[in-house]
All heavy atoms as atom14 arrays in JSON, in Angstrom:
{
  "sequence": "PGAFVHAGAALAERAVGGLAGRSLLVVGAGKMSELALQHLA",
  "atom14_mask": [
    [1, 1, 1, 1, 1, 1, 1, 0, 0, 0, 0, 0, 0, 0],
    [1, 1, 1, 1, 0, 0, 0, 0, 0, 0, 0, 0, 0, 0],
    [1, 1, 1, 1, 1, 0, 0, 0, 0, 0, 0, 0, 0, 0],
    [1, 1, 1, 1, 1, 1, 1, 1, 1, 1, 1, 0, 0, 0],
    [1, 1, 1, 1, 1, 1, 1, 0, 0, 0, 0, 0, 0, 0],
    [1, 1, 1, 1, 1, 1, 1, 1, 1, 1, 0, 0, 0, 0],
    [1, 1, 1, 1, 1, 0, 0, 0, 0, 0, 0, 0, 0, 0],
    [1, 1, 1, 1, 0, 0, 0, 0, 0, 0, 0, 0, 0, 0],
    [1, 1, 1, 1, 1, 0, 0, 0, 0, 0, 0, 0, 0, 0],
    [1, 1, 1, 1, 1, 0, 0, 0, 0, 0, 0, 0, 0, 0],
    [1, 1, 1, 1, 1, 1, 1, 1, 0, 0, 0, 0, 0, 0],
    [1, 1, 1, 1, 1, 0, 0, 0, 0, 0, 0, 0, 0, 0],
    [1, 1, 1, 1, 1, 1, 1, 1, 1, 0, 0, 0, 0, 0],
    [1, 1, 1, 1, 1, 1, 1, 1, 1, 1, 1, 0, 0, 0],
    [1, 1, 1, 1, 1, 0, 0, 0, 0, 0, 0, 0, 0, 0],
    [1, 1, 1, 1, 1, 1, 1, 0, 0, 0, 0, 0, 0, 0],
    [1, 1, 1, 1, 0, 0, 0, 0, 0, 0, 0, 0, 0, 0],
    [1, 1, 1, 1, 0, 0, 0, 0, 0, 0, 0, 0, 0, 0],
    [1, 1, 1, 1, 1, 1, 1, 1, 0, 0, 0, 0, 0, 0],
    [1, 1, 1, 1, 1, 0, 0, 0, 0, 0, 0, 0, 0, 0],
    [1, 1, 1, 1, 0, 0, 0, 0, 0, 0, 0, 0, 0, 0],
    [1, 1, 1, 1, 1, 1, 1, 1, 1, 1, 1, 0, 0, 0],
    [1, 1, 1, 1, 1, 1, 0, 0, 0, 0, 0, 0, 0, 0],
    [1, 1, 1, 1, 1, 1, 1, 1, 0, 0, 0, 0, 0, 0],
    [1, 1, 1, 1, 1, 1, 1, 1, 0, 0, 0, 0, 0, 0],
    [1, 1, 1, 1, 1, 1, 1, 0, 0, 0, 0, 0, 0, 0],
    [1, 1, 1, 1, 1, 1, 1, 0, 0, 0, 0, 0, 0, 0],
    [1, 1, 1, 1, 0, 0, 0, 0, 0, 0, 0, 0, 0, 0],
    [1, 1, 1, 1, 1, 0, 0, 0, 0, 0, 0, 0, 0, 0],
    [1, 1, 1, 1, 0, 0, 0, 0, 0, 0, 0, 0, 0, 0],
    [1, 1, 1, 1, 1, 1, 1, 1, 1, 0, 0, 0, 0, 0],
    [1, 1, 1, 1, 1, 1, 1, 1, 0, 0, 0, 0, 0, 0],
    [1, 1, 1, 1, 1, 1, 0, 0, 0, 0, 0, 0, 0, 0],
    [1, 1, 1, 1, 1, 1, 1, 1, 1, 0, 0, 0, 0, 0],
    [1, 1, 1, 1, 1, 1, 1, 1, 0, 0, 0, 0, 0, 0],
    [1, 1, 1, 1, 1, 0, 0, 0, 0, 0, 0, 0, 0, 0],
    [1, 1, 1, 1, 1, 1, 1, 1, 0, 0, 0, 0, 0, 0],
    [1, 1, 1, 1, 1, 1, 1, 1, 1, 0, 0, 0, 0, 0],
    [1, 1, 1, 1, 1, 1, 1, 1, 1, 1, 0, 0, 0, 0],
    [1, 1, 1, 1, 1, 1, 1, 1, 0, 0, 0, 0, 0, 0],
    [1, 1, 1, 1, 1, 0, 0, 0, 0, 0, 0, 0, 0, 0]
  ],
  "atom14_positions": [
    [[80.45, 104.47, 23.83], [79.73, 105.74, 23.74], [78.43, 105.76, 24.5], [77.89, 106.82, 24.79], [79.49, 105.89, 22.22], [79.5, 104.49, 21.7], [80.51, 103.76, 22.54], [0.0, 0.0, 0.0], [0.0, 0.0, 0.0], [0.0, 0.0, 0.0], [0.0, 0.0, 0.0], [0.0, 0.0, 0.0], [0.0, 0.0, 0.0], [0.0, 0.0, 0.0]],
    [[77.88, 104.59, 24.85], [76.6, 104.57, 25.54], [76.71, 104.42, 27.03], [75.74, 104.0, 27.68], [0.0, 0.0, 0.0], [0.0, 0.0, 0.0], [0.0, 0.0, 0.0], [0.0, 0.0, 0.0], [0.0, 0.0, 0.0], [0.0, 0.0, 0.0], [0.0, 0.0, 0.0], [0.0, 0.0, 0.0], [0.0, 0.0, 0.0], [0.0, 0.0, 0.0]],
    [[77.87, 104.79, 27.62], [78.06, 104.58, 29.04], [77.01, 105.32, 29.89], [76.49, 104.77, 30.87], [79.46, 105.03, 29.45], [0.0, 0.0, 0.0], [0.0, 0.0, 0.0], [0.0, 0.0, 0.0], [0.0, 0.0, 0.0], [0.0, 0.0, 0.0], [0.0, 0.0, 0.0], [0.0, 0.0, 0.0], [0.0, 0.0, 0.0], [0.0, 0.0, 0.0]],
    [[76.68, 106.54, 29.51], [75.66, 107.29, 30.24], [74.31, 106.59, 30.15], [73.57, 106.5, 31.13], [75.53, 108.71, 29.68], [76.58, 109.66, 30.18], [77.49, 110.2, 29.31], [76.64, 110.01, 31.51], [78.46, 111.08, 29.76], [77.6, 110.88, 31.97], [78.51, 111.42, 31.09], [0.0, 0.0, 0.0], [0.0, 0.0, 0.0], [0.0, 0.0, 0.0]],
    [[74.0, 106.12, 28.95], [72.72, 105.45, 28.74], [72.64, 104.18, 29.58], [71.62, 103.9, 30.22], [72.54, 105.14, 27.24], [71.3, 104.28, 27.04], [72.42, 106.44, 26.45], [0.0, 0.0, 0.0], [0.0, 0.0, 0.0], [0.0, 0.0, 0.0], [0.0, 0.0, 0.0], [0.0, 0.0, 0.0], [0.0, 0.0, 0.0], [0.0, 0.0, 0.0]],
    [[73.7, 103.39, 29.58], [73.71, 102.14, 30.34], [73.5, 102.43, 31.83], [72.72, 101.74, 32.51], [75.04, 101.41, 30.14], [75.18, 100.82, 28.77], [75.71, 99.57, 28.55], [74.86, 101.31, 27.54], [75.71, 99.31, 27.25], [75.21, 100.37, 26.62], [0.0, 0.0, 0.0], [0.0, 0.0, 0.0], [0.0, 0.0, 0.0], [0.0, 0.0, 0.0]],
    [[74.24, 103.42, 32.35], [74.11, 103.76, 33.76], [72.72, 104.3, 34.05], [72.11, 103.98, 35.09], [75.17, 104.79, 34.15], [0.0, 0.0, 0.0], [0.0, 0.0, 0.0], [0.0, 0.0, 0.0], [0.0, 0.0, 0.0], [0.0, 0.0, 0.0], [0.0, 0.0, 0.0], [0.0, 0.0, 0.0], [0.0, 0.0, 0.0], [0.0, 0.0, 0.0]],
    [[72.18, 105.14, 33.15], [70.85, 105.68, 33.35], [69.78, 104.61, 33.31], [68.8, 104.66, 34.07], [0.0, 0.0, 0.0], [0.0, 0.0, 0.0], [0.0, 0.0, 0.0], [0.0, 0.0, 0.0], [0.0, 0.0, 0.0], [0.0, 0.0, 0.0], [0.0, 0.0, 0.0], [0.0, 0.0, 0.0], [0.0, 0.0, 0.0], [0.0, 0.0, 0.0]],
    [[69.97, 103.62, 32.44], [69.01, 102.52, 32.35], [68.97, 101.73, 33.65], [67.9, 101.28, 34.09], [69.36, 101.62, 31.18], [0.0, 0.0, 0.0], [0.0, 0.0, 0.0], [0.0, 0.0, 0.0], [0.0, 0.0, 0.0], [0.0, 0.0, 0.0], [0.0, 0.0, 0.0], [0.0, 0.0, 0.0], [0.0, 0.0, 0.0], [0.0, 0.0, 0.0]],
    [[70.13, 101.56, 34.28], [70.17, 100.86, 35.57], [69.4, 101.63, 36.64], [68.67, 101.03, 37.45], [71.62, 100.66, 35.99], [0.0, 0.0, 0.0], [0.0, 0.0, 0.0], [0.0, 0.0, 0.0], [0.0, 0.0, 0.0], [0.0, 0.0, 0.0], [0.0, 0.0, 0.0], [0.0, 0.0, 0.0], [0.0, 0.0, 0.0], [0.0, 0.0, 0.0]],
    [[69.54, 102.96, 36.62], [68.77, 103.77, 37.57], [67.28, 103.66, 37.28], [66.45, 103.56, 38.21], [69.21, 105.23, 37.47], [70.63, 105.57, 37.92], [70.89, 107.06, 37.73], [70.86, 105.17, 39.37], [0.0, 0.0, 0.0], [0.0, 0.0, 0.0], [0.0, 0.0, 0.0], [0.0, 0.0, 0.0], [0.0, 0.0, 0.0], [0.0, 0.0, 0.0]],
    [[66.92, 103.66, 36.0], [65.51, 103.58, 35.62], [64.91, 102.25, 36.07], [63.78, 102.19, 36.56], [65.38, 103.73, 34.1], [0.0, 0.0, 0.0], [0.0, 0.0, 0.0], [0.0, 0.0, 0.0], [0.0, 0.0, 0.0], [0.0, 0.0, 0.0], [0.0, 0.0, 0.0], [0.0, 0.0, 0.0], [0.0, 0.0, 0.0], [0.0, 0.0, 0.0]],
    [[65.68, 101.18, 35.9], [65.19, 99.85, 36.27], [64.86, 99.78, 37.74], [63.82, 99.21, 38.15], [66.24, 98.81, 35.91], [65.74, 97.38, 35.91], [66.69, 96.46, 35.18], [67.9, 96.74, 35.21], [66.22, 95.48, 34.6], [0.0, 0.0, 0.0], [0.0, 0.0, 0.0], [0.0, 0.0, 0.0], [0.0, 0.0, 0.0], [0.0, 0.0, 0.0]],
    [[65.71, 100.39, 38.58], [65.45, 100.4, 40.02], [64.25, 101.29, 40.36], [63.45, 100.98, 41.25], [66.69, 100.89, 40.77], [67.83, 99.9, 40.74], [68.87, 100.22, 41.82], [69.54, 101.5, 41.57], [70.64, 101.63, 40.85], [71.18, 100.56, 40.27], [71.19, 102.8, 40.68], [0.0, 0.0, 0.0], [0.0, 0.0, 0.0], [0.0, 0.0, 0.0]],
    [[64.13, 102.42, 39.62], [63.07, 103.39, 39.96], [61.67, 102.88, 39.63], [60.71, 103.14, 40.37], [63.32, 104.7, 39.22], [0.0, 0.0, 0.0], [0.0, 0.0, 0.0], [0.0, 0.0, 0.0], [0.0, 0.0, 0.0], [0.0, 0.0, 0.0], [0.0, 0.0, 0.0], [0.0, 0.0, 0.0], [0.0, 0.0, 0.0], [0.0, 0.0, 0.0]],
    [[61.54, 102.12, 38.53], [60.19, 101.71, 38.11], [59.96, 100.2, 38.3], [58.93, 99.67, 37.87], [59.93, 102.09, 36.62], [60.03, 103.59, 36.44], [60.9, 101.37, 35.68], [0.0, 0.0, 0.0], [0.0, 0.0, 0.0], [0.0, 0.0, 0.0], [0.0, 0.0, 0.0], [0.0, 0.0, 0.0], [0.0, 0.0, 0.0], [0.0, 0.0, 0.0]],
    [[60.94, 99.53, 38.93], [60.76, 98.11, 39.22], [60.89, 97.2, 38.02], [60.07, 96.27, 37.84], [0.0, 0.0, 0.0], [0.0, 0.0, 0.0], [0.0, 0.0, 0.0], [0.0, 0.0, 0.0], [0.0, 0.0, 0.0], [0.0, 0.0, 0.0], [0.0, 0.0, 0.0], [0.0, 0.0, 0.0], [0.0, 0.0, 0.0], [0.0, 0.0, 0.0]],
    [[61.88, 97.46, 37.18], [62.1, 96.62, 35.98], [61.63, 97.33, 34.73], [60.66, 98.1, 34.77], [0.0, 0.0, 0.0], [0.0, 0.0, 0.0], [0.0, 0.0, 0.0], [0.0, 0.0, 0.0], [0.0, 0.0, 0.0], [0.0, 0.0, 0.0], [0.0, 0.0, 0.0], [0.0, 0.0, 0.0], [0.0, 0.0, 0.0], [0.0, 0.0, 0.0]],
    [[62.32, 97.07, 33.62], [62.02, 97.78, 32.36], [61.09, 97.01, 31.44], [60.52, 97.59, 30.51], [63.33, 98.11, 31.62], [64.25, 99.09, 32.33], [65.57, 99.22, 31.56], [63.59, 100.46, 32.46], [0.0, 0.0, 0.0], [0.0, 0.0, 0.0], [0.0, 0.0, 0.0], [0.0, 0.0, 0.0], [0.0, 0.0, 0.0], [0.0, 0.0, 0.0]],
    [[60.96, 95.72, 31.64], [60.15, 94.91, 30.71], [58.72, 95.43, 30.65], [58.05, 95.56, 31.67], [60.18, 93.45, 31.17], [0.0, 0.0, 0.0], [0.0, 0.0, 0.0], [0.0, 0.0, 0.0], [0.0, 0.0, 0.0], [0.0, 0.0, 0.0], [0.0, 0.0, 0.0], [0.0, 0.0, 0.0], [0.0, 0.0, 0.0], [0.0, 0.0, 0.0]],
    [[58.29, 95.72, 29.45], [56.93, 96.19, 29.22], [56.66, 97.62, 29.56], [55.54, 98.11, 29.35], [0.0, 0.0, 0.0], [0.0, 0.0, 0.0], [0.0, 0.0, 0.0], [0.0, 0.0, 0.0], [0.0, 0.0, 0.0], [0.0, 0.0, 0.0], [0.0, 0.0, 0.0], [0.0, 0.0, 0.0], [0.0, 0.0, 0.0], [0.0, 0.0, 0.0]],
    [[57.66, 98.34, 30.07], [57.46, 99.75, 30.43], [57.4, 100.62, 29.18], [58.04, 100.33, 28.17], [58.58, 100.24, 31.35], [58.68, 99.48, 32.66], [57.47, 99.68, 33.53], [57.63, 99.03, 34.82], [56.73, 99.07, 35.8], [55.6, 99.75, 35.61], [56.95, 98.45, 36.94], [0.0, 0.0, 0.0], [0.0, 0.0, 0.0], [0.0, 0.0, 0.0]],
    [[56.67, 101.72, 29.3], [56.55, 102.66, 28.18], [57.69, 103.67, 28.22], [57.96, 104.27, 29.27], [55.2, 103.39, 28.28], [55.09, 104.35, 27.24], [0.0, 0.0, 0.0], [0.0, 0.0, 0.0], [0.0, 0.0, 0.0], [0.0, 0.0, 0.0], [0.0, 0.0, 0.0], [0.0, 0.0, 0.0], [0.0, 0.0, 0.0], [0.0, 0.0, 0.0]],
    [[58.36, 103.85, 27.09], [59.54, 104.72, 27.0], [59.23, 105.94, 26.14], [58.69, 105.82, 25.05], [60.72, 103.96, 26.4], [61.96, 104.77, 26.04], [62.62, 105.34, 27.31], [62.96, 103.93, 25.25], [0.0, 0.0, 0.0], [0.0, 0.0, 0.0], [0.0, 0.0, 0.0], [0.0, 0.0, 0.0], [0.0, 0.0, 0.0], [0.0, 0.0, 0.0]],
    [[59.64, 107.11, 26.65], [59.58, 108.34, 25.87], [60.99, 108.9, 25.74], [61.66, 109.09, 26.76], [58.68, 109.38, 26.55], [58.72, 110.8, 25.98], [58.27, 110.85, 24.53], [57.87, 111.75, 26.84], [0.0, 0.0, 0.0], [0.0, 0.0, 0.0], [0.0, 0.0, 0.0], [0.0, 0.0, 0.0], [0.0, 0.0, 0.0], [0.0, 0.0, 0.0]],
    [[61.43, 109.14, 24.52], [62.73, 109.74, 24.27], [62.49, 111.13, 23.67], [61.81, 111.26, 22.66], [63.59, 108.88, 23.31], [64.91, 109.58, 23.0], [63.84, 107.5, 23.91], [0.0, 0.0, 0.0], [0.0, 0.0, 0.0], [0.0, 0.0, 0.0], [0.0, 0.0, 0.0], [0.0, 0.0, 0.0], [0.0, 0.0, 0.0], [0.0, 0.0, 0.0]],
    [[63.06, 112.14, 24.31], [62.9, 113.52, 23.84], [64.23, 113.97, 23.25], [65.24, 114.05, 23.96], [62.47, 114.46, 24.99], [62.24, 115.87, 24.46], [61.2, 113.92, 25.65], [0.0, 0.0, 0.0], [0.0, 0.0, 0.0], [0.0, 0.0, 0.0], [0.0, 0.0, 0.0], [0.0, 0.0, 0.0], [0.0, 0.0, 0.0], [0.0, 0.0, 0.0]],
    [[64.23, 114.25, 21.96], [65.46, 114.56, 21.24], [65.75, 113.46, 20.25], [65.36, 112.3, 20.46], [0.0, 0.0, 0.0], [0.0, 0.0, 0.0], [0.0, 0.0, 0.0], [0.0, 0.0, 0.0], [0.0, 0.0, 0.0], [0.0, 0.0, 0.0], [0.0, 0.0, 0.0], [0.0, 0.0, 0.0], [0.0, 0.0, 0.0], [0.0, 0.0, 0.0]],
    [[66.44, 113.8, 19.17], [66.69, 112.81, 18.12], [68.15, 112.79, 17.7], [68.47, 112.47, 16.55], [65.78, 113.07, 16.92], [0.0, 0.0, 0.0], [0.0, 0.0, 0.0], [0.0, 0.0, 0.0], [0.0, 0.0, 0.0], [0.0, 0.0, 0.0], [0.0, 0.0, 0.0], [0.0, 0.0, 0.0], [0.0, 0.0, 0.0], [0.0, 0.0, 0.0]],
    [[69.05, 113.12, 18.63], [70.47, 113.07, 18.35], [71.05, 111.7, 18.64], [70.33, 110.72, 18.86], [0.0, 0.0, 0.0], [0.0, 0.0, 0.0], [0.0, 0.0, 0.0], [0.0, 0.0, 0.0], [0.0, 0.0, 0.0], [0.0, 0.0, 0.0], [0.0, 0.0, 0.0], [0.0, 0.0, 0.0], [0.0, 0.0, 0.0], [0.0, 0.0, 0.0]],
    [[72.39, 111.63, 18.62], [73.06, 110.35, 18.81], [72.75, 109.74, 20.17], [72.5, 108.53, 20.27], [74.58, 110.57, 18.67], [75.39, 109.3, 18.79], [75.09, 108.33, 17.66], [75.99, 107.11, 17.7], [75.67, 106.13, 16.65], [0.0, 0.0, 0.0], [0.0, 0.0, 0.0], [0.0, 0.0, 0.0], [0.0, 0.0, 0.0], [0.0, 0.0, 0.0]],
    [[72.75, 110.56, 21.22], [72.48, 110.03, 22.56], [71.07, 109.47, 22.64], [70.85, 108.41, 23.24], [72.68, 111.12, 23.61], [72.65, 110.6, 25.03], [74.04, 109.51, 25.42], [75.32, 110.75, 25.68], [0.0, 0.0, 0.0], [0.0, 0.0, 0.0], [0.0, 0.0, 0.0], [0.0, 0.0, 0.0], [0.0, 0.0, 0.0], [0.0, 0.0, 0.0]],
    [[70.11, 110.14, 22.04], [68.73, 109.65, 22.04], [68.62, 108.32, 21.3], [67.92, 107.39, 21.73], [67.8, 110.68, 21.39], [67.82, 111.89, 22.12], [0.0, 0.0, 0.0], [0.0, 0.0, 0.0], [0.0, 0.0, 0.0], [0.0, 0.0, 0.0], [0.0, 0.0, 0.0], [0.0, 0.0, 0.0], [0.0, 0.0, 0.0], [0.0, 0.0, 0.0]],
    [[69.33, 108.22, 20.19], [69.31, 106.98, 19.41], [69.9, 105.82, 20.21], [69.36, 104.71, 20.23], [70.09, 107.19, 18.11], [69.95, 106.08, 17.11], [70.55, 106.44, 15.76], [71.13, 107.55, 15.64], [70.46, 105.61, 14.84], [0.0, 0.0, 0.0], [0.0, 0.0, 0.0], [0.0, 0.0, 0.0], [0.0, 0.0, 0.0], [0.0, 0.0, 0.0]],
    [[71.01, 106.08, 20.89], [71.62, 105.05, 21.73], [70.68, 104.63, 22.85], [70.58, 103.44, 23.17], [72.93, 105.58, 22.33], [74.11, 105.73, 21.36], [75.24, 106.49, 22.04], [74.59, 104.37, 20.9], [0.0, 0.0, 0.0], [0.0, 0.0, 0.0], [0.0, 0.0, 0.0], [0.0, 0.0, 0.0], [0.0, 0.0, 0.0], [0.0, 0.0, 0.0]],
    [[70.01, 105.62, 23.46], [69.09, 105.32, 24.55], [67.95, 104.42, 24.07], [67.6, 103.43, 24.73], [68.54, 106.62, 25.14], [0.0, 0.0, 0.0], [0.0, 0.0, 0.0], [0.0, 0.0, 0.0], [0.0, 0.0, 0.0], [0.0, 0.0, 0.0], [0.0, 0.0, 0.0], [0.0, 0.0, 0.0], [0.0, 0.0, 0.0], [0.0, 0.0, 0.0]],
    [[67.38, 104.75, 22.92], [66.27, 103.97, 22.4], [66.71, 102.53, 22.09], [66.04, 101.56, 22.46], [65.72, 104.63, 21.15], [64.54, 103.93, 20.48], [63.35, 103.84, 21.44], [64.13, 104.66, 19.2], [0.0, 0.0, 0.0], [0.0, 0.0, 0.0], [0.0, 0.0, 0.0], [0.0, 0.0, 0.0], [0.0, 0.0, 0.0], [0.0, 0.0, 0.0]],
    [[67.85, 102.4, 21.46], [68.35, 101.06, 21.1], [68.62, 100.23, 22.35], [68.24, 99.05, 22.43], [69.62, 101.19, 20.25], [69.38, 101.76, 18.88], [70.67, 102.05, 18.14], [71.76, 101.91, 18.68], [70.56, 102.47, 16.89], [0.0, 0.0, 0.0], [0.0, 0.0, 0.0], [0.0, 0.0, 0.0], [0.0, 0.0, 0.0], [0.0, 0.0, 0.0]],
    [[69.27, 100.85, 23.34], [69.65, 100.09, 24.53], [68.43, 99.67, 25.34], [68.35, 98.51, 25.79], [70.58, 100.94, 25.4], [71.04, 100.24, 26.64], [71.88, 99.15, 26.6], [70.76, 100.45, 27.95], [72.1, 98.72, 27.84], [71.44, 99.5, 28.67], [0.0, 0.0, 0.0], [0.0, 0.0, 0.0], [0.0, 0.0, 0.0], [0.0, 0.0, 0.0]],
    [[67.48, 100.57, 25.52], [66.31, 100.21, 26.32], [65.39, 99.25, 25.57], [64.71, 98.43, 26.19], [65.55, 101.46, 26.76], [66.06, 101.99, 28.12], [67.43, 102.65, 27.98], [65.07, 102.97, 28.72], [0.0, 0.0, 0.0], [0.0, 0.0, 0.0], [0.0, 0.0, 0.0], [0.0, 0.0, 0.0], [0.0, 0.0, 0.0], [0.0, 0.0, 0.0]],
    [[65.4, 99.33, 24.24], [64.63, 98.34, 23.47], [65.21, 96.95, 23.68], [64.48, 95.95, 23.81], [64.64, 98.71, 21.99], [0.0, 0.0, 0.0], [0.0, 0.0, 0.0], [0.0, 0.0, 0.0], [0.0, 0.0, 0.0], [0.0, 0.0, 0.0], [0.0, 0.0, 0.0], [0.0, 0.0, 0.0], [0.0, 0.0, 0.0], [0.0, 0.0, 0.0]]
  ]
}
């Protein structure tokens, strides 16, 4: 179910030069938002 999130995280990693220590903002509190927060954490 998190395929979009996984792919999006890969794009994010390239765009900001790695995710470690980066500040994350999630807008929305549905299932997709929950998956995004868990995966990027």
